[in-house]
Amino acid sequence: MSDNFPTFEVFLKRYGRRTWRWRVCTTEGRLVMHGSENARPAAKYAAERALFQMLLTAPYRPASHASAMARSNLSTPASRWLPRHQMRE
């Protein structure tokens, strides 16, 4: 496996009065994903979500490690991931 992992950037640009377009590109400028939303926060969220989803399915991420993490998260007690003020004894 190569040590040269791709690096990505998220871009937001306003088009018109109510449209924001987002792009996820490599640092070399190759377009990977794109979309548009009506509000800037929504466009930022959609772009970052798309990037996150893409990284989750990356070919360099071993499937056995991903499924093991999912199984361990399901068996984690609530006291470990809930903030103290939300815990009920």
N, C-alpha and C. Protein backbone atom coordinates (compact mmCIF):
# COMPACT_ATOMS: atom_id res chain seq x y z
N MET A 1 0.85 -1.17 0.00
CA MET A 1 0.00 0.00 0.00
C MET A 1 0.89 1.23 0.00
N SER A 2 0.51 2.20 -0.77
CA SER A 2 1.28 3.42 -0.91
C SER A 2 1.08 4.35 0.28
N ASP A 3 2.10 5.13 0.60
CA ASP A 3 1.99 6.11 1.68
C ASP A 3 1.43 7.42 1.17
N ASN A 4 1.13 7.53 -0.11
CA ASN A 4 0.60 8.77 -0.68
C ASN A 4 -0.92 8.74 -0.68
N PHE A 5 -1.50 9.21 0.42
CA PHE A 5 -2.95 9.27 0.52
C PHE A 5 -3.45 10.56 -0.12
N PRO A 6 -4.59 10.53 -0.78
CA PRO A 6 -5.11 11.75 -1.40
C PRO A 6 -5.57 12.75 -0.33
N THR A 7 -5.48 14.01 -0.65
CA THR A 7 -5.94 15.09 0.21
C THR A 7 -7.07 15.82 -0.51
N PHE A 8 -8.08 16.19 0.24
CA PHE A 8 -9.27 16.80 -0.36
C PHE A 8 -9.52 18.18 0.23
N GLU A 9 -10.22 19.01 -0.55
CA GLU A 9 -10.61 20.34 -0.12
C GLU A 9 -12.09 20.54 -0.41
N VAL A 10 -12.74 21.33 0.43
CA VAL A 10 -14.16 21.66 0.26
C VAL A 10 -14.26 23.13 -0.13
N PHE A 11 -15.04 23.42 -1.16
CA PHE A 11 -15.24 24.78 -1.64
C PHE A 11 -16.72 25.12 -1.63
N LEU A 12 -17.05 26.34 -1.20
CA LEU A 12 -18.41 26.86 -1.23
C LEU A 12 -18.40 28.13 -2.06
N LYS A 13 -19.42 28.30 -2.91
CA LYS A 13 -19.53 29.51 -3.73
C LYS A 13 -20.99 29.88 -3.89
N ARG A 14 -21.26 31.16 -3.75
CA ARG A 14 -22.63 31.65 -3.87
C ARG A 14 -22.98 31.88 -5.34
N TYR A 15 -24.15 31.40 -5.74
CA TYR A 15 -24.68 31.61 -7.09
C TYR A 15 -26.07 32.20 -6.95
N GLY A 16 -26.25 33.41 -7.43
CA GLY A 16 -27.56 34.05 -7.31
C GLY A 16 -27.82 34.51 -5.89
N ARG A 17 -29.09 34.70 -5.59
CA ARG A 17 -29.45 35.23 -4.28
C ARG A 17 -29.56 34.16 -3.21
N ARG A 18 -30.01 32.97 -3.59
CA ARG A 18 -30.30 31.95 -2.57
C ARG A 18 -29.62 30.62 -2.81
N THR A 19 -28.72 30.53 -3.73
CA THR A 19 -28.12 29.23 -4.04
C THR A 19 -26.64 29.22 -3.68
N TRP A 20 -26.24 28.19 -2.96
CA TRP A 20 -24.84 27.96 -2.64
C TRP A 20 -24.44 26.63 -3.26
N ARG A 21 -23.37 26.64 -4.01
CA ARG A 21 -22.86 25.40 -4.61
C ARG A 21 -21.61 24.97 -3.85
N TRP A 22 -21.50 23.66 -3.65
CA TRP A 22 -20.34 23.13 -2.97
C TRP A 22 -19.63 22.13 -3.85
N ARG A 23 -18.32 22.01 -3.64
CA ARG A 23 -17.50 21.06 -4.38
C ARG A 23 -16.51 20.41 -3.43
N VAL A 24 -16.22 19.17 -3.65
CA VAL A 24 -15.13 18.47 -2.98
C VAL A 24 -14.14 18.11 -4.08
N CYS A 25 -12.91 18.61 -3.94
CA CYS A 25 -11.87 18.41 -4.96
C CYS A 25 -10.62 17.86 -4.31
N THR A 26 -9.78 17.24 -5.12
CA THR A 26 -8.46 16.87 -4.65
C THR A 26 -7.60 18.13 -4.63
N THR A 27 -6.46 18.08 -3.96
CA THR A 27 -5.59 19.25 -3.93
C THR A 27 -5.03 19.56 -5.31
N GLU A 28 -5.06 18.59 -6.23
CA GLU A 28 -4.63 18.83 -7.61
C GLU A 28 -5.71 19.52 -8.43
N GLY A 29 -6.93 19.64 -7.86
CA GLY A 29 -8.02 20.33 -8.55
C GLY A 29 -9.02 19.42 -9.24
N ARG A 30 -8.89 18.11 -9.10
CA ARG A 30 -9.84 17.18 -9.72
C ARG A 30 -11.14 17.15 -8.93
N LEU A 31 -12.26 17.40 -9.59
CA LEU A 31 -13.58 17.40 -8.96
C LEU A 31 -13.96 15.97 -8.57
N VAL A 32 -14.37 15.79 -7.33
CA VAL A 32 -14.77 14.48 -6.84
C VAL A 32 -16.28 14.42 -6.65
N MET A 33 -16.86 15.45 -6.00
CA MET A 33 -18.30 15.51 -5.77
C MET A 33 -18.74 16.96 -5.79
N HIS A 34 -20.02 17.19 -6.06
CA HIS A 34 -20.55 18.55 -6.06
C HIS A 34 -22.04 18.53 -5.79
N GLY A 35 -22.58 19.69 -5.43
CA GLY A 35 -24.01 19.80 -5.18
C GLY A 35 -24.37 21.24 -4.88
N SER A 36 -25.62 21.49 -4.53
CA SER A 36 -26.06 22.84 -4.20
C SER A 36 -27.13 22.79 -3.12
N GLU A 37 -27.22 23.88 -2.37
CA GLU A 37 -28.20 24.03 -1.30
C GLU A 37 -28.71 25.47 -1.30
N ASN A 38 -29.78 25.72 -0.56
CA ASN A 38 -30.36 27.06 -0.50
C ASN A 38 -29.72 27.95 0.56
N ALA A 39 -29.02 27.41 1.51
CA ALA A 39 -28.40 28.20 2.57
C ALA A 39 -26.94 27.79 2.72
N ARG A 40 -26.10 28.73 3.14
CA ARG A 40 -24.68 28.45 3.28
C ARG A 40 -24.41 27.36 4.33
N PRO A 41 -25.02 27.41 5.52
CA PRO A 41 -24.77 26.34 6.49
C PRO A 41 -25.17 24.96 5.95
N ALA A 42 -26.26 24.91 5.20
CA ALA A 42 -26.70 23.63 4.62
C ALA A 42 -25.71 23.14 3.58
N ALA A 43 -25.16 24.06 2.78
CA ALA A 43 -24.17 23.67 1.77
C ALA A 43 -22.89 23.19 2.44
N LYS A 44 -22.48 23.87 3.49
CA LYS A 44 -21.27 23.46 4.22
C LYS A 44 -21.46 22.08 4.83
N TYR A 45 -22.62 21.86 5.43
CA TYR A 45 -22.93 20.56 6.02
C TYR A 45 -22.93 19.46 4.95
N ALA A 46 -23.58 19.72 3.82
CA ALA A 46 -23.67 18.72 2.76
C ALA A 46 -22.29 18.38 2.21
N ALA A 47 -21.44 19.39 2.04
CA ALA A 47 -20.10 19.16 1.51
C ALA A 47 -19.26 18.35 2.49
N GLU A 48 -19.32 18.71 3.76
CA GLU A 48 -18.54 17.98 4.76
C GLU A 48 -19.07 16.57 4.97
N ARG A 49 -20.38 16.40 4.87
CA ARG A 49 -20.97 15.07 4.98
C ARG A 49 -20.54 14.18 3.80
N ALA A 50 -20.53 14.77 2.61
CA ALA A 50 -20.11 14.02 1.43
C ALA A 50 -18.64 13.59 1.56
N LEU A 51 -17.81 14.50 2.05
CA LEU A 51 -16.40 14.18 2.25
C LEU A 51 -16.25 13.08 3.29
N PHE A 52 -16.98 13.17 4.38
CA PHE A 52 -16.91 12.16 5.43
C PHE A 52 -17.36 10.80 4.91
N GLN A 53 -18.48 10.76 4.20
CA GLN A 53 -18.97 9.50 3.65
C GLN A 53 -17.98 8.90 2.67
N MET A 54 -17.34 9.75 1.88
CA MET A 54 -16.34 9.26 0.93
C MET A 54 -15.15 8.65 1.67
N LEU A 55 -14.71 9.31 2.73
CA LEU A 55 -13.57 8.79 3.49
C LEU A 55 -13.91 7.49 4.22
N LEU A 56 -15.18 7.34 4.62
CA LEU A 56 -15.59 6.09 5.26
C LEU A 56 -15.51 4.90 4.32
N THR A 57 -15.71 5.14 3.04
CA THR A 57 -15.71 4.05 2.08
C THR A 57 -14.39 3.96 1.32
N ALA A 58 -13.36 4.61 1.83
CA ALA A 58 -12.07 4.63 1.14
C ALA A 58 -11.50 3.22 0.99
N PRO A 59 -10.85 2.93 -0.14
CA PRO A 59 -10.32 1.59 -0.38
C PRO A 59 -9.16 1.23 0.54
N TYR A 60 -8.47 2.21 1.12
CA TYR A 60 -7.35 1.91 1.99
C TYR A 60 -7.78 1.61 3.42
N ARG A 61 -9.06 1.77 3.72
CA ARG A 61 -9.57 1.49 5.06
C ARG A 61 -9.98 0.03 5.12
N PRO A 62 -9.30 -0.78 5.94
CA PRO A 62 -9.62 -2.21 5.98
C PRO A 62 -11.04 -2.46 6.48
N ALA A 63 -11.77 -3.29 5.77
CA ALA A 63 -13.16 -3.58 6.10
C ALA A 63 -13.28 -4.27 7.45
N SER A 64 -12.34 -5.15 7.79
CA SER A 64 -12.42 -5.85 9.06
C SER A 64 -12.29 -4.89 10.23
N HIS A 65 -11.45 -3.87 10.08
CA HIS A 65 -11.28 -2.87 11.14
C HIS A 65 -12.56 -2.06 11.30
N ALA A 66 -13.19 -1.68 10.20
CA ALA A 66 -14.41 -0.88 10.25
C ALA A 66 -15.54 -1.66 10.92
N SER A 67 -15.71 -2.93 10.57
CA SER A 67 -16.79 -3.70 11.16
C SER A 67 -16.50 -4.00 12.63
N ALA A 68 -15.24 -4.18 13.00
CA ALA A 68 -14.90 -4.39 14.40
C ALA A 68 -15.21 -3.15 15.23
N MET A 69 -14.93 -1.98 14.67
CA MET A 69 -15.24 -0.74 15.39
C MET A 69 -16.74 -0.58 15.55
N ALA A 70 -17.51 -0.91 14.53
CA ALA A 70 -18.96 -0.80 14.62
C ALA A 70 -19.51 -1.73 15.69
N ARG A 71 -18.98 -2.96 15.74
CA ARG A 71 -19.43 -3.90 16.77
C ARG A 71 -19.07 -3.41 18.16
N SER A 72 -17.87 -2.86 18.34
CA SER A 72 -17.47 -2.39 19.66
C SER A 72 -18.29 -1.18 20.09
N ASN A 73 -18.70 -0.33 19.15
CA ASN A 73 -19.52 0.82 19.50
C ASN A 73 -20.92 0.40 19.93
N LEU A 74 -21.43 -0.69 19.37
CA LEU A 74 -22.75 -1.16 19.76
C LEU A 74 -22.74 -1.74 21.16
N SER A 75 -21.63 -2.31 21.57
CA SER A 75 -21.57 -2.92 22.89
C SER A 75 -21.03 -1.97 23.95
N THR A 76 -20.78 -0.70 23.61
CA THR A 76 -20.27 0.28 24.55
C THR A 76 -21.38 0.70 25.50
N PRO A 77 -21.12 0.69 26.82
CA PRO A 77 -22.16 1.13 27.75
C PRO A 77 -22.46 2.61 27.57
N ALA A 78 -23.69 3.00 27.86
CA ALA A 78 -24.13 4.38 27.67
C ALA A 78 -23.31 5.35 28.51
N SER A 79 -22.86 4.93 29.67
CA SER A 79 -22.11 5.83 30.54
C SER A 79 -20.81 6.28 29.90
N ARG A 80 -20.33 5.55 28.91
CA ARG A 80 -19.07 5.91 28.27
C ARG A 80 -19.24 7.01 27.24
N TRP A 81 -20.39 7.07 26.56
CA TRP A 81 -20.56 8.06 25.50
C TRP A 81 -21.57 9.15 25.81
N LEU A 82 -22.30 9.05 26.90
CA LEU A 82 -23.23 10.11 27.28
C LEU A 82 -22.53 11.13 28.17
N PRO A 83 -22.80 12.41 27.99
CA PRO A 83 -22.26 13.40 28.92
C PRO A 83 -22.80 13.15 30.32
N ARG A 84 -22.03 13.52 31.33
CA ARG A 84 -22.42 13.25 32.72
C ARG A 84 -23.79 13.80 33.08
N HIS A 85 -24.14 15.00 32.59
CA HIS A 85 -25.41 15.60 32.97
C HIS A 85 -26.61 14.87 32.38
N GLN A 86 -26.40 13.97 31.41
CA GLN A 86 -27.50 13.23 30.82
C GLN A 86 -27.60 11.81 31.36
N MET A 87 -26.63 11.40 32.17
CA MET A 87 -26.65 10.04 32.70
C MET A 87 -27.69 9.94 33.81
N ARG A 88 -28.40 8.83 33.83
CA ARG A 88 -29.37 8.57 34.90
C ARG A 88 -28.94 7.31 35.60
N GLU A 89 -28.86 7.39 36.89
CA GLU A 89 -28.41 6.25 37.69
C GLU A 89 -29.60 5.44 38.15
